[in-house]
């Protein structure tokens, strides 16, 4: 396939952070005197950036508060909950180590605010694997627009066709397709209704260690 570099989504692909994101949402709702929602409900909202997440939560609660009013409150809780209980998915550390031994440069492309990514990677012990981070606020666009992936490819010094995107959702799939970047989807993340088997990805995998067969 000629894969020379990899670009990873973060939440739902490398890291299970849904419970912490849900707690941040619910602390925000508590502060607004709005009803809490289940972790499963918040999990179904993750993937399109924090503004979309908060907008969805407010709409779900029937609140007329504006994003401009609520975002500072949410971001305070998001930072407070960032390292509450995140965990790497099984096989992630081993997969990253194997890819590094093959000399493949790697980047993160996430819709999470960029300032929150390094502390999370450091906490989980995987910061050293990634040469570059493209966050949800690095560019004016975020996934599913192609620009973040195209930017990641430029940072890695590769054309998009020689990079492999690894993600878990329709947001990742649409971005990769628009960028002309091949993609492998993981089955264990936050697919939000995406039919992984018919999505047109190179493959859908159950364990990130399987990525080794597609790269290097």
N, C-alpha and C. Protein backbone atom coordinates (compact mmCIF):
# COMPACT_ATOMS: atom_id res chain seq x y z
N UNK A 1 0.81 -1.21 0.00
CA UNK A 1 0.00 0.00 0.00
C UNK A 1 0.85 1.27 0.00
N UNK A 2 2.14 1.17 0.36
CA UNK A 2 2.99 2.34 0.40
C UNK A 2 2.70 3.27 1.56
N UNK A 3 2.21 2.73 2.68
CA UNK A 3 1.92 3.56 3.85
C UNK A 3 3.24 3.94 4.53
N UNK A 4 3.47 5.25 4.66
CA UNK A 4 4.72 5.74 5.22
C UNK A 4 4.53 6.49 6.53
N UNK A 5 3.29 6.75 6.93
CA UNK A 5 3.00 7.48 8.16
C UNK A 5 1.56 7.19 8.57
N UNK A 6 1.26 7.44 9.83
CA UNK A 6 -0.10 7.18 10.33
C UNK A 6 -0.63 8.41 11.05
N UNK A 7 -1.94 8.61 10.93
CA UNK A 7 -2.64 9.70 11.59
C UNK A 7 -3.77 9.08 12.40
N UNK A 8 -3.75 9.31 13.71
CA UNK A 8 -4.73 8.69 14.60
C UNK A 8 -5.72 9.70 15.14
N UNK A 9 -6.99 9.33 15.13
CA UNK A 9 -7.96 9.99 15.97
C UNK A 9 -7.59 9.68 17.42
N UNK A 10 -8.16 10.41 18.37
CA UNK A 10 -7.79 10.21 19.78
C UNK A 10 -8.91 9.54 20.57
N UNK A 11 -9.96 10.28 20.88
CA UNK A 11 -11.05 9.74 21.70
C UNK A 11 -11.83 8.69 20.91
N UNK A 12 -11.92 7.50 21.47
CA UNK A 12 -12.63 6.41 20.80
C UNK A 12 -11.75 5.55 19.92
N UNK A 13 -10.52 6.00 19.69
CA UNK A 13 -9.58 5.24 18.87
C UNK A 13 -8.38 4.77 19.68
N UNK A 14 -7.73 5.71 20.35
CA UNK A 14 -6.63 5.37 21.24
C UNK A 14 -7.06 5.34 22.70
N UNK A 15 -7.96 6.25 23.06
CA UNK A 15 -8.30 6.50 24.46
C UNK A 15 -9.81 6.40 24.68
N UNK A 16 -10.19 5.69 25.72
CA UNK A 16 -11.59 5.68 26.16
C UNK A 16 -11.74 6.77 27.21
N UNK A 17 -12.29 7.88 26.80
CA UNK A 17 -12.46 9.04 27.68
C UNK A 17 -13.92 9.43 27.83
N UNK A 18 -14.82 8.57 27.37
CA UNK A 18 -16.23 8.94 27.32
C UNK A 18 -16.80 9.25 28.69
N UNK A 19 -16.41 8.48 29.72
CA UNK A 19 -16.95 8.72 31.06
C UNK A 19 -16.54 10.09 31.58
N UNK A 20 -15.31 10.50 31.26
CA UNK A 20 -14.83 11.81 31.73
C UNK A 20 -15.51 12.94 30.98
N UNK A 21 -15.72 12.76 29.69
CA UNK A 21 -16.43 13.78 28.91
C UNK A 21 -17.87 13.87 29.39
N UNK A 22 -18.48 12.73 29.67
CA UNK A 22 -19.86 12.73 30.18
C UNK A 22 -19.94 13.45 31.53
N UNK A 23 -18.96 13.24 32.38
CA UNK A 23 -18.96 13.91 33.68
C UNK A 23 -18.84 15.42 33.50
N UNK A 24 -18.01 15.86 32.56
CA UNK A 24 -17.89 17.29 32.30
C UNK A 24 -19.21 17.87 31.80
N UNK A 25 -19.87 17.15 30.91
CA UNK A 25 -21.18 17.60 30.42
C UNK A 25 -22.16 17.68 31.59
N UNK A 26 -22.19 16.65 32.41
CA UNK A 26 -23.17 16.62 33.50
C UNK A 26 -22.87 17.65 34.59
N UNK A 27 -21.62 17.92 34.85
CA UNK A 27 -21.30 18.99 35.79
C UNK A 27 -21.77 20.34 35.25
N UNK A 28 -21.66 20.50 33.94
CA UNK A 28 -22.14 21.73 33.31
C UNK A 28 -23.65 21.82 33.43
N UNK A 29 -24.34 20.73 33.14
CA UNK A 29 -25.79 20.72 33.26
C UNK A 29 -26.22 20.97 34.71
N UNK A 30 -25.51 20.39 35.66
CA UNK A 30 -25.80 20.63 37.07
C UNK A 30 -25.72 22.12 37.39
N UNK A 31 -24.66 22.75 36.90
CA UNK A 31 -24.46 24.16 37.20
C UNK A 31 -25.53 25.04 36.57
N UNK A 32 -26.12 24.54 35.48
CA UNK A 32 -27.20 25.27 34.81
C UNK A 32 -28.57 24.86 35.31
N UNK A 33 -28.60 24.00 36.34
CA UNK A 33 -29.86 23.47 36.89
C UNK A 33 -30.68 22.74 35.83
N UNK A 34 -29.96 21.99 34.98
CA UNK A 34 -30.59 21.19 33.95
C UNK A 34 -30.40 19.71 34.28
N UNK A 35 -31.29 18.83 33.81
CA UNK A 35 -31.19 17.41 34.17
C UNK A 35 -29.94 16.76 33.57
N UNK A 36 -29.33 15.88 34.35
CA UNK A 36 -28.19 15.10 33.89
C UNK A 36 -28.63 14.09 32.83
N UNK A 37 -27.67 13.60 32.06
CA UNK A 37 -27.95 12.61 31.03
C UNK A 37 -27.03 11.41 31.25
N UNK A 38 -27.35 10.30 30.64
CA UNK A 38 -26.56 9.09 30.85
C UNK A 38 -25.23 9.18 30.11
N UNK A 39 -24.27 8.41 30.60
CA UNK A 39 -22.97 8.33 29.91
C UNK A 39 -23.15 7.83 28.48
N UNK A 40 -24.06 6.89 28.30
CA UNK A 40 -24.29 6.35 26.95
C UNK A 40 -24.80 7.42 26.01
N UNK A 41 -25.64 8.31 26.52
CA UNK A 41 -26.15 9.40 25.68
C UNK A 41 -25.02 10.32 25.26
N UNK A 42 -24.17 10.70 26.20
CA UNK A 42 -23.04 11.57 25.86
C UNK A 42 -22.10 10.86 24.89
N UNK A 43 -21.89 9.58 25.09
CA UNK A 43 -21.02 8.81 24.18
C UNK A 43 -21.51 8.94 22.74
N UNK A 44 -22.81 8.99 22.56
CA UNK A 44 -23.37 9.09 21.20
C UNK A 44 -23.20 10.49 20.61
N UNK A 45 -22.79 11.46 21.43
CA UNK A 45 -22.58 12.83 20.96
C UNK A 45 -21.13 13.16 20.68
N UNK A 46 -20.20 12.31 21.10
CA UNK A 46 -18.77 12.63 21.02
C UNK A 46 -18.26 12.51 19.58
N UNK A 47 -17.39 13.44 19.19
CA UNK A 47 -16.68 13.25 17.93
C UNK A 47 -16.65 14.45 17.00
N UNK A 48 -17.51 15.44 17.25
CA UNK A 48 -17.56 16.57 16.32
C UNK A 48 -17.11 17.87 16.97
N UNK A 49 -16.36 17.78 18.04
CA UNK A 49 -15.82 18.97 18.68
C UNK A 49 -16.66 19.40 19.87
N UNK A 50 -16.04 20.22 20.74
CA UNK A 50 -16.70 20.57 21.99
C UNK A 50 -17.89 21.50 21.80
N UNK A 51 -17.82 22.38 20.83
CA UNK A 51 -18.96 23.28 20.63
C UNK A 51 -20.19 22.51 20.18
N UNK A 52 -20.00 21.57 19.28
CA UNK A 52 -21.13 20.76 18.84
C UNK A 52 -21.65 19.90 20.00
N UNK A 53 -20.74 19.39 20.82
CA UNK A 53 -21.13 18.59 21.97
C UNK A 53 -22.01 19.39 22.92
N UNK A 54 -21.57 20.58 23.25
CA UNK A 54 -22.34 21.42 24.18
C UNK A 54 -23.65 21.87 23.55
N UNK A 55 -23.62 22.21 22.28
CA UNK A 55 -24.86 22.61 21.60
C UNK A 55 -25.87 21.47 21.62
N UNK A 56 -25.41 20.25 21.42
CA UNK A 56 -26.30 19.09 21.44
C UNK A 56 -26.87 18.89 22.84
N UNK A 57 -26.03 19.04 23.85
CA UNK A 57 -26.50 18.87 25.23
C UNK A 57 -27.54 19.92 25.59
N UNK A 58 -27.33 21.16 25.18
CA UNK A 58 -28.30 22.22 25.47
C UNK A 58 -29.61 21.97 24.74
N UNK A 59 -29.51 21.55 23.47
CA UNK A 59 -30.74 21.26 22.71
C UNK A 59 -31.50 20.10 23.34
N UNK A 60 -30.75 19.08 23.77
CA UNK A 60 -31.37 17.91 24.40
C UNK A 60 -32.12 18.31 25.67
N UNK A 61 -31.56 19.27 26.40
CA UNK A 61 -32.18 19.73 27.65
C UNK A 61 -33.28 20.76 27.43
N UNK A 62 -33.42 21.21 26.18
CA UNK A 62 -34.42 22.23 25.89
C UNK A 62 -34.04 23.60 26.42
N UNK A 63 -32.75 23.82 26.62
CA UNK A 63 -32.28 25.09 27.16
C UNK A 63 -32.13 26.14 26.06
N UNK A 64 -32.40 27.38 26.42
CA UNK A 64 -32.21 28.48 25.48
C UNK A 64 -30.91 29.22 25.74
N UNK A 65 -30.07 28.70 26.64
CA UNK A 65 -28.76 29.32 26.87
C UNK A 65 -27.94 29.26 25.58
N UNK A 66 -27.12 30.27 25.36
CA UNK A 66 -26.28 30.31 24.17
C UNK A 66 -24.94 29.62 24.43
N UNK A 67 -24.31 29.21 23.35
CA UNK A 67 -22.99 28.60 23.48
C UNK A 67 -22.00 29.57 24.11
N UNK A 68 -22.10 30.84 23.75
CA UNK A 68 -21.18 31.83 24.29
C UNK A 68 -21.30 31.92 25.81
N UNK A 69 -22.51 31.75 26.31
CA UNK A 69 -22.72 31.76 27.76
C UNK A 69 -22.14 30.51 28.43
N UNK A 70 -22.33 29.37 27.78
CA UNK A 70 -22.10 28.09 28.45
C UNK A 70 -20.69 27.54 28.24
N UNK A 71 -20.04 27.87 27.13
CA UNK A 71 -18.75 27.25 26.83
C UNK A 71 -17.70 27.48 27.91
N UNK A 72 -17.57 28.67 28.51
CA UNK A 72 -16.56 28.81 29.58
C UNK A 72 -16.81 27.85 30.75
N UNK A 73 -18.08 27.65 31.10
CA UNK A 73 -18.41 26.72 32.18
C UNK A 73 -18.03 25.30 31.80
N UNK A 74 -18.41 24.92 30.57
CA UNK A 74 -18.08 23.56 30.13
C UNK A 74 -16.58 23.34 30.08
N UNK A 75 -15.84 24.30 29.53
CA UNK A 75 -14.39 24.10 29.40
C UNK A 75 -13.72 23.99 30.77
N UNK A 76 -14.22 24.68 31.76
CA UNK A 76 -13.68 24.55 33.12
C UNK A 76 -13.87 23.12 33.61
N UNK A 77 -15.07 22.59 33.41
CA UNK A 77 -15.33 21.22 33.85
C UNK A 77 -14.58 20.20 32.99
N UNK A 78 -14.45 20.50 31.71
CA UNK A 78 -13.72 19.60 30.81
C UNK A 78 -12.27 19.45 31.25
N UNK A 79 -11.64 20.58 31.57
CA UNK A 79 -10.25 20.53 32.05
C UNK A 79 -10.17 19.78 33.39
N UNK A 80 -11.13 20.04 34.26
CA UNK A 80 -11.11 19.39 35.57
C UNK A 80 -11.28 17.87 35.48
N UNK A 81 -12.04 17.42 34.46
CA UNK A 81 -12.34 15.99 34.31
C UNK A 81 -11.39 15.27 33.37
N UNK A 82 -10.47 16.01 32.75
CA UNK A 82 -9.65 15.44 31.67
C UNK A 82 -8.92 14.17 32.10
N UNK A 83 -8.34 14.20 33.30
CA UNK A 83 -7.51 13.08 33.76
C UNK A 83 -8.20 12.27 34.86
N UNK A 84 -9.52 12.36 34.91
CA UNK A 84 -10.28 11.71 35.96
C UNK A 84 -10.19 10.19 35.88
N UNK A 85 -10.42 9.62 34.68
CA UNK A 85 -10.35 8.15 34.55
C UNK A 85 -10.12 7.67 33.12
N UNK A 86 -9.34 8.40 32.30
CA UNK A 86 -9.14 7.93 30.93
C UNK A 86 -8.30 6.66 30.93
N UNK A 87 -8.48 5.84 29.88
CA UNK A 87 -7.64 4.64 29.76
C UNK A 87 -7.36 4.36 28.30
N UNK A 88 -6.21 3.78 28.06
CA UNK A 88 -5.89 3.32 26.72
C UNK A 88 -6.71 2.06 26.44
N UNK A 89 -7.18 1.95 25.22
CA UNK A 89 -7.82 0.69 24.81
C UNK A 89 -6.78 -0.42 24.79
N UNK A 90 -7.23 -1.63 24.97
CA UNK A 90 -6.33 -2.77 24.95
C UNK A 90 -5.55 -2.82 23.63
N UNK A 91 -4.27 -3.03 23.73
CA UNK A 91 -3.44 -3.19 22.55
C UNK A 91 -2.86 -1.90 22.00
N UNK A 92 -3.29 -0.75 22.50
CA UNK A 92 -2.83 0.52 21.94
C UNK A 92 -1.33 0.72 22.18
N UNK A 93 -0.89 0.56 23.41
CA UNK A 93 0.53 0.79 23.70
C UNK A 93 1.42 -0.14 22.89
N UNK A 94 1.03 -1.39 22.78
CA UNK A 94 1.82 -2.36 22.01
C UNK A 94 1.84 -2.00 20.52
N UNK A 95 0.71 -1.58 20.00
CA UNK A 95 0.63 -1.21 18.59
C UNK A 95 1.51 -0.01 18.28
N UNK A 96 1.47 1.00 19.13
CA UNK A 96 2.28 2.19 18.91
C UNK A 96 3.77 1.86 18.98
N UNK A 97 4.15 1.00 19.91
CA UNK A 97 5.55 0.61 20.01
C UNK A 97 6.01 -0.14 18.76
N UNK A 98 5.17 -1.03 18.27
CA UNK A 98 5.51 -1.79 17.06
C UNK A 98 5.68 -0.86 15.86
N UNK A 99 4.77 0.10 15.73
CA UNK A 99 4.85 1.03 14.61
C UNK A 99 6.10 1.89 14.71
N UNK A 100 6.46 2.26 15.93
CA UNK A 100 7.69 3.06 16.08
C UNK A 100 8.91 2.24 15.72
N UNK A 101 8.94 0.96 16.07
CA UNK A 101 10.09 0.14 15.72
C UNK A 101 10.23 -0.01 14.21
N UNK A 102 9.14 0.16 13.50
CA UNK A 102 9.18 0.11 12.04
C UNK A 102 9.56 1.45 11.42
N UNK A 103 9.78 2.45 12.26
CA UNK A 103 10.22 3.76 11.77
C UNK A 103 9.12 4.59 11.15
N UNK A 104 7.88 4.33 11.51
CA UNK A 104 6.75 5.05 10.92
C UNK A 104 6.38 6.26 11.78
N UNK A 105 6.48 7.47 11.23
CA UNK A 105 6.07 8.65 11.99
C UNK A 105 4.56 8.68 12.18
N UNK A 106 4.13 9.24 13.32
CA UNK A 106 2.72 9.24 13.66
C UNK A 106 2.28 10.61 14.16
N UNK A 107 1.02 10.93 13.90
CA UNK A 107 0.43 12.19 14.34
C UNK A 107 -0.96 11.91 14.90
N UNK A 108 -1.44 12.84 15.72
CA UNK A 108 -2.81 12.84 16.22
C UNK A 108 -3.60 13.87 15.44
N UNK A 109 -4.80 13.51 15.03
CA UNK A 109 -5.74 14.47 14.44
C UNK A 109 -7.07 14.27 15.14
N UNK A 110 -7.41 15.20 16.00
CA UNK A 110 -8.58 15.08 16.87
C UNK A 110 -9.39 16.36 16.84
N UNK A 111 -10.66 16.26 17.18
CA UNK A 111 -11.47 17.45 17.35
C UNK A 111 -11.44 17.98 18.78
N UNK A 112 -10.68 17.32 19.66
CA UNK A 112 -10.49 17.82 21.02
C UNK A 112 -9.67 19.10 20.96
N UNK A 113 -9.95 20.10 21.81
CA UNK A 113 -9.11 21.31 21.83
C UNK A 113 -7.64 20.94 22.01
N UNK A 114 -6.79 21.57 21.23
CA UNK A 114 -5.39 21.14 21.15
C UNK A 114 -4.66 21.26 22.49
N UNK A 115 -5.02 22.25 23.32
CA UNK A 115 -4.32 22.42 24.59
C UNK A 115 -4.56 21.26 25.55
N UNK A 116 -5.64 20.50 25.35
CA UNK A 116 -5.95 19.40 26.25
C UNK A 116 -5.33 18.07 25.82
N UNK A 117 -4.74 18.04 24.63
CA UNK A 117 -4.21 16.77 24.13
C UNK A 117 -2.89 16.38 24.80
N UNK A 118 -1.88 17.26 24.87
CA UNK A 118 -0.61 16.83 25.48
C UNK A 118 -0.75 16.35 26.92
N UNK A 119 -1.53 17.02 27.80
CA UNK A 119 -1.65 16.49 29.16
C UNK A 119 -2.25 15.09 29.19
N UNK A 120 -3.19 14.82 28.31
CA UNK A 120 -3.81 13.49 28.26
C UNK A 120 -2.82 12.45 27.77
N UNK A 121 -2.08 12.77 26.71
CA UNK A 121 -1.08 11.83 26.20
C UNK A 121 0.01 11.58 27.23
N UNK A 122 0.44 12.64 27.92
CA UNK A 122 1.46 12.48 28.96
C UNK A 122 0.95 11.58 30.08
N UNK A 123 -0.27 11.82 30.51
CA UNK A 123 -0.86 11.05 31.60
C UNK A 123 -0.91 9.56 31.28
N UNK A 124 -1.18 9.26 30.01
CA UNK A 124 -1.31 7.87 29.58
C UNK A 124 0.00 7.26 29.09
N UNK A 125 1.06 8.06 29.07
CA UNK A 125 2.38 7.53 28.73
C UNK A 125 2.63 7.30 27.25
N UNK A 126 1.90 7.99 26.38
CA UNK A 126 2.08 7.75 24.95
C UNK A 126 2.48 9.01 24.18
N UNK A 127 2.80 10.09 24.88
CA UNK A 127 3.11 11.35 24.20
C UNK A 127 4.29 11.21 23.24
N UNK A 128 5.27 10.40 23.62
CA UNK A 128 6.48 10.30 22.83
C UNK A 128 6.33 9.63 21.47
N UNK A 129 5.19 9.04 21.23
CA UNK A 129 4.99 8.36 19.95
C UNK A 129 4.59 9.31 18.82
N UNK A 130 4.16 10.51 19.16
CA UNK A 130 3.53 11.36 18.15
C UNK A 130 4.38 12.59 17.86
N UNK A 131 4.71 12.76 16.57
CA UNK A 131 5.52 13.88 16.15
C UNK A 131 4.72 15.17 16.09
N UNK A 132 3.41 15.06 15.85
CA UNK A 132 2.59 16.24 15.65
C UNK A 132 1.19 16.01 16.22
N UNK A 133 0.55 17.10 16.62
CA UNK A 133 -0.83 17.07 17.08
C UNK A 133 -1.61 18.13 16.32
N UNK A 134 -2.70 17.71 15.71
CA UNK A 134 -3.65 18.63 15.08
C UNK A 134 -4.94 18.54 15.88
N UNK A 135 -5.30 19.62 16.55
CA UNK A 135 -6.49 19.63 17.39
C UNK A 135 -7.67 20.25 16.69
N UNK A 136 -8.78 20.29 17.41
CA UNK A 136 -10.00 20.84 16.84
C UNK A 136 -9.97 22.33 16.62
N UNK A 137 -9.00 23.00 17.22
CA UNK A 137 -8.86 24.45 17.06
C UNK A 137 -7.54 24.84 16.41
N UNK A 138 -6.81 23.87 15.85
CA UNK A 138 -5.55 24.17 15.17
C UNK A 138 -5.79 24.97 13.90
N UNK A 139 -6.84 24.61 13.18
CA UNK A 139 -7.22 25.27 11.93
C UNK A 139 -8.63 25.84 12.07
N UNK A 140 -9.06 26.68 11.15
CA UNK A 140 -10.46 27.11 11.17
C UNK A 140 -11.42 25.95 10.96
N UNK A 141 -10.98 24.91 10.26
CA UNK A 141 -11.82 23.74 9.99
C UNK A 141 -11.47 22.61 10.97
N UNK A 142 -12.42 21.73 11.18
CA UNK A 142 -12.18 20.51 11.94
C UNK A 142 -12.83 19.36 11.19
N UNK A 143 -12.44 18.13 11.55
CA UNK A 143 -13.08 16.97 10.93
C UNK A 143 -14.59 17.06 11.12
N UNK A 144 -15.41 16.72 10.13
CA UNK A 144 -15.12 15.93 8.92
C UNK A 144 -14.56 16.69 7.71
N UNK A 145 -14.24 17.97 7.86
CA UNK A 145 -13.55 18.65 6.77
C UNK A 145 -12.18 17.99 6.56
N UNK A 146 -11.67 18.02 5.34
CA UNK A 146 -10.40 17.34 5.08
C UNK A 146 -9.17 18.10 5.55
N UNK A 147 -9.29 19.40 5.79
CA UNK A 147 -8.12 20.23 6.06
C UNK A 147 -7.26 19.75 7.23
N UNK A 148 -7.84 19.30 8.35
CA UNK A 148 -6.97 18.83 9.43
C UNK A 148 -6.10 17.63 9.03
N UNK A 149 -6.67 16.69 8.28
CA UNK A 149 -5.88 15.54 7.83
C UNK A 149 -4.83 15.96 6.80
N UNK A 150 -5.19 16.87 5.92
CA UNK A 150 -4.22 17.35 4.94
C UNK A 150 -3.07 18.07 5.65
N UNK A 151 -3.40 18.82 6.68
CA UNK A 151 -2.37 19.51 7.46
C UNK A 151 -1.47 18.49 8.18
N UNK A 152 -2.07 17.46 8.75
CA UNK A 152 -1.29 16.42 9.41
C UNK A 152 -0.34 15.75 8.43
N UNK A 153 -0.82 15.46 7.22
CA UNK A 153 0.03 14.84 6.21
C UNK A 153 1.21 15.74 5.86
N UNK A 154 0.96 17.04 5.71
CA UNK A 154 2.05 17.97 5.41
C UNK A 154 3.08 17.99 6.54
N UNK A 155 2.59 18.00 7.78
CA UNK A 155 3.51 17.99 8.92
C UNK A 155 4.37 16.73 8.95
N UNK A 156 3.78 15.61 8.51
CA UNK A 156 4.50 14.34 8.46
C UNK A 156 5.39 14.21 7.22
N UNK A 157 5.27 15.17 6.32
CA UNK A 157 6.09 15.15 5.11
C UNK A 157 5.65 14.11 4.09
N UNK A 158 4.36 13.80 4.08
CA UNK A 158 3.84 12.77 3.18
C UNK A 158 2.63 13.28 2.41
N UNK A 159 2.40 12.71 1.25
CA UNK A 159 1.14 12.97 0.56
C UNK A 159 0.05 12.18 1.27
N UNK A 160 -1.19 12.64 1.22
CA UNK A 160 -2.26 11.95 1.95
C UNK A 160 -2.39 10.47 1.60
N UNK A 161 -2.18 10.12 0.33
CA UNK A 161 -2.35 8.73 -0.08
C UNK A 161 -1.33 7.80 0.56
N UNK A 162 -0.23 8.35 1.08
CA UNK A 162 0.79 7.53 1.73
C UNK A 162 0.68 7.56 3.25
N UNK A 163 -0.40 8.19 3.76
CA UNK A 163 -0.70 8.18 5.19
C UNK A 163 -1.90 7.26 5.42
N UNK A 164 -1.95 6.66 6.57
CA UNK A 164 -3.09 5.84 6.96
C UNK A 164 -3.79 6.50 8.14
N UNK A 165 -5.06 6.84 7.94
CA UNK A 165 -5.88 7.37 9.03
C UNK A 165 -6.46 6.20 9.81
N UNK A 166 -6.48 6.32 11.13
CA UNK A 166 -7.09 5.31 11.99
C UNK A 166 -8.11 6.03 12.87
N UNK A 167 -9.37 5.65 12.72
CA UNK A 167 -10.43 6.33 13.45
C UNK A 167 -11.55 5.39 13.82
N UNK A 168 -12.65 5.99 14.32
CA UNK A 168 -13.74 5.16 14.85
C UNK A 168 -15.12 5.62 14.44
N UNK A 169 -15.23 6.68 13.62
CA UNK A 169 -16.55 7.29 13.42
C UNK A 169 -16.73 7.79 12.00
N UNK A 170 -17.96 8.19 11.72
CA UNK A 170 -18.28 8.79 10.42
C UNK A 170 -17.51 10.09 10.23
N UNK A 171 -17.25 10.81 11.30
CA UNK A 171 -16.46 12.04 11.22
C UNK A 171 -15.08 11.75 10.66
N UNK A 172 -14.44 10.70 11.15
CA UNK A 172 -13.12 10.31 10.65
C UNK A 172 -13.20 9.80 9.21
N UNK A 173 -14.21 8.99 8.95
CA UNK A 173 -14.37 8.42 7.61
C UNK A 173 -14.56 9.52 6.56
N UNK A 174 -15.44 10.47 6.85
CA UNK A 174 -15.71 11.54 5.89
C UNK A 174 -14.46 12.40 5.67
N UNK A 175 -13.75 12.68 6.76
CA UNK A 175 -12.54 13.49 6.62
C UNK A 175 -11.49 12.77 5.77
N UNK A 176 -11.30 11.49 6.04
CA UNK A 176 -10.31 10.72 5.28
C UNK A 176 -10.68 10.62 3.81
N UNK A 177 -11.93 10.35 3.54
CA UNK A 177 -12.37 10.25 2.15
C UNK A 177 -12.18 11.58 1.42
N UNK A 178 -12.51 12.67 2.09
CA UNK A 178 -12.36 13.99 1.47
C UNK A 178 -10.90 14.36 1.26
N UNK A 179 -10.03 13.85 2.13
CA UNK A 179 -8.60 14.15 2.02
C UNK A 179 -7.86 13.20 1.08
N UNK A 180 -8.53 12.15 0.61
CA UNK A 180 -7.86 11.16 -0.22
C UNK A 180 -6.89 10.31 0.57
N UNK A 181 -7.23 10.06 1.85
CA UNK A 181 -6.35 9.30 2.74
C UNK A 181 -7.02 7.97 3.08
N UNK A 182 -6.35 6.85 2.90
CA UNK A 182 -6.94 5.56 3.27
C UNK A 182 -7.21 5.52 4.77
N UNK A 183 -8.23 4.76 5.17
CA UNK A 183 -8.61 4.72 6.58
C UNK A 183 -8.94 3.31 7.02
N UNK A 184 -8.55 2.99 8.24
CA UNK A 184 -8.97 1.78 8.94
C UNK A 184 -9.79 2.24 10.14
N UNK A 185 -10.92 1.59 10.37
CA UNK A 185 -11.81 1.93 11.47
C UNK A 185 -11.70 0.89 12.58
N UNK A 186 -11.76 1.34 13.83
CA UNK A 186 -11.79 0.42 14.96
C UNK A 186 -13.24 0.20 15.38
N UNK A 187 -13.53 -1.02 15.81
CA UNK A 187 -14.91 -1.38 16.16
C UNK A 187 -15.28 -1.00 17.59
N UNK A 188 -14.30 -0.69 18.43
CA UNK A 188 -14.57 -0.56 19.86
C UNK A 188 -14.85 0.88 20.30
N UNK A 189 -14.86 1.84 19.39
CA UNK A 189 -14.93 3.24 19.77
C UNK A 189 -16.33 3.80 19.88
N UNK A 190 -16.52 5.00 19.31
CA UNK A 190 -17.78 5.72 19.39
C UNK A 190 -18.33 5.90 17.97
N UNK A 191 -18.86 4.84 17.37
CA UNK A 191 -19.25 4.92 15.95
C UNK A 191 -20.48 5.78 15.68
N UNK A 192 -21.30 6.04 16.70
CA UNK A 192 -22.47 6.91 16.56
C UNK A 192 -23.34 6.50 15.35
N UNK A 193 -23.63 5.20 15.27
CA UNK A 193 -24.54 4.72 14.25
C UNK A 193 -23.91 4.34 12.93
N UNK A 194 -22.61 4.57 12.77
CA UNK A 194 -21.94 4.20 11.53
C UNK A 194 -21.90 2.69 11.39
N UNK A 195 -22.30 2.18 10.23
CA UNK A 195 -22.17 0.76 9.92
C UNK A 195 -20.73 0.52 9.46
N UNK A 196 -19.91 0.06 10.35
CA UNK A 196 -18.48 -0.07 10.08
C UNK A 196 -18.19 -1.05 8.95
N UNK A 197 -19.01 -2.08 8.84
CA UNK A 197 -18.72 -3.13 7.86
C UNK A 197 -18.99 -2.68 6.43
N UNK A 198 -19.89 -1.72 6.26
CA UNK A 198 -20.22 -1.27 4.90
C UNK A 198 -19.74 0.15 4.64
N UNK A 199 -18.83 0.65 5.49
CA UNK A 199 -18.43 2.05 5.40
C UNK A 199 -17.46 2.33 4.26
N UNK A 200 -16.85 1.29 3.72
CA UNK A 200 -15.89 1.49 2.64
C UNK A 200 -14.47 1.73 3.11
N UNK A 201 -14.19 1.50 4.39
CA UNK A 201 -12.81 1.61 4.89
C UNK A 201 -11.99 0.42 4.41
N UNK A 202 -10.68 0.53 4.55
CA UNK A 202 -9.82 -0.60 4.20
C UNK A 202 -10.19 -1.82 5.03
N UNK A 203 -10.51 -1.58 6.29
CA UNK A 203 -10.90 -2.67 7.19
C UNK A 203 -11.52 -2.07 8.44
N UNK A 204 -12.25 -2.90 9.17
CA UNK A 204 -12.69 -2.59 10.54
C UNK A 204 -12.02 -3.60 11.44
N UNK A 205 -11.32 -3.12 12.46
CA UNK A 205 -10.52 -4.01 13.30
C UNK A 205 -10.99 -3.97 14.76
N UNK A 206 -10.72 -5.03 15.49
CA UNK A 206 -11.13 -5.14 16.88
C UNK A 206 -10.04 -4.77 17.87
N UNK A 207 -8.80 -4.74 17.41
CA UNK A 207 -7.66 -4.51 18.29
C UNK A 207 -6.64 -3.71 17.48
N UNK A 208 -6.10 -2.64 18.06
CA UNK A 208 -5.21 -1.77 17.31
C UNK A 208 -3.95 -2.48 16.86
N UNK A 209 -3.57 -3.57 17.52
CA UNK A 209 -2.39 -4.31 17.08
C UNK A 209 -2.56 -4.86 15.66
N UNK A 210 -3.79 -5.00 15.20
CA UNK A 210 -4.04 -5.47 13.84
C UNK A 210 -3.60 -4.44 12.79
N UNK A 211 -3.37 -3.20 13.21
CA UNK A 211 -2.98 -2.17 12.25
C UNK A 211 -1.63 -2.46 11.63
N UNK A 212 -0.84 -3.29 12.31
CA UNK A 212 0.51 -3.59 11.83
C UNK A 212 0.49 -4.24 10.44
N UNK A 213 -0.61 -4.90 10.12
CA UNK A 213 -0.67 -5.57 8.82
C UNK A 213 -0.95 -4.59 7.67
N UNK A 214 -1.26 -3.35 8.01
CA UNK A 214 -1.57 -2.36 6.98
C UNK A 214 -0.45 -1.34 6.79
N UNK A 215 0.52 -1.35 7.69
CA UNK A 215 1.53 -0.29 7.66
C UNK A 215 2.93 -0.87 7.85
N UNK A 216 3.83 -0.38 7.06
CA UNK A 216 5.23 -0.76 7.23
C UNK A 216 5.59 -2.07 6.56
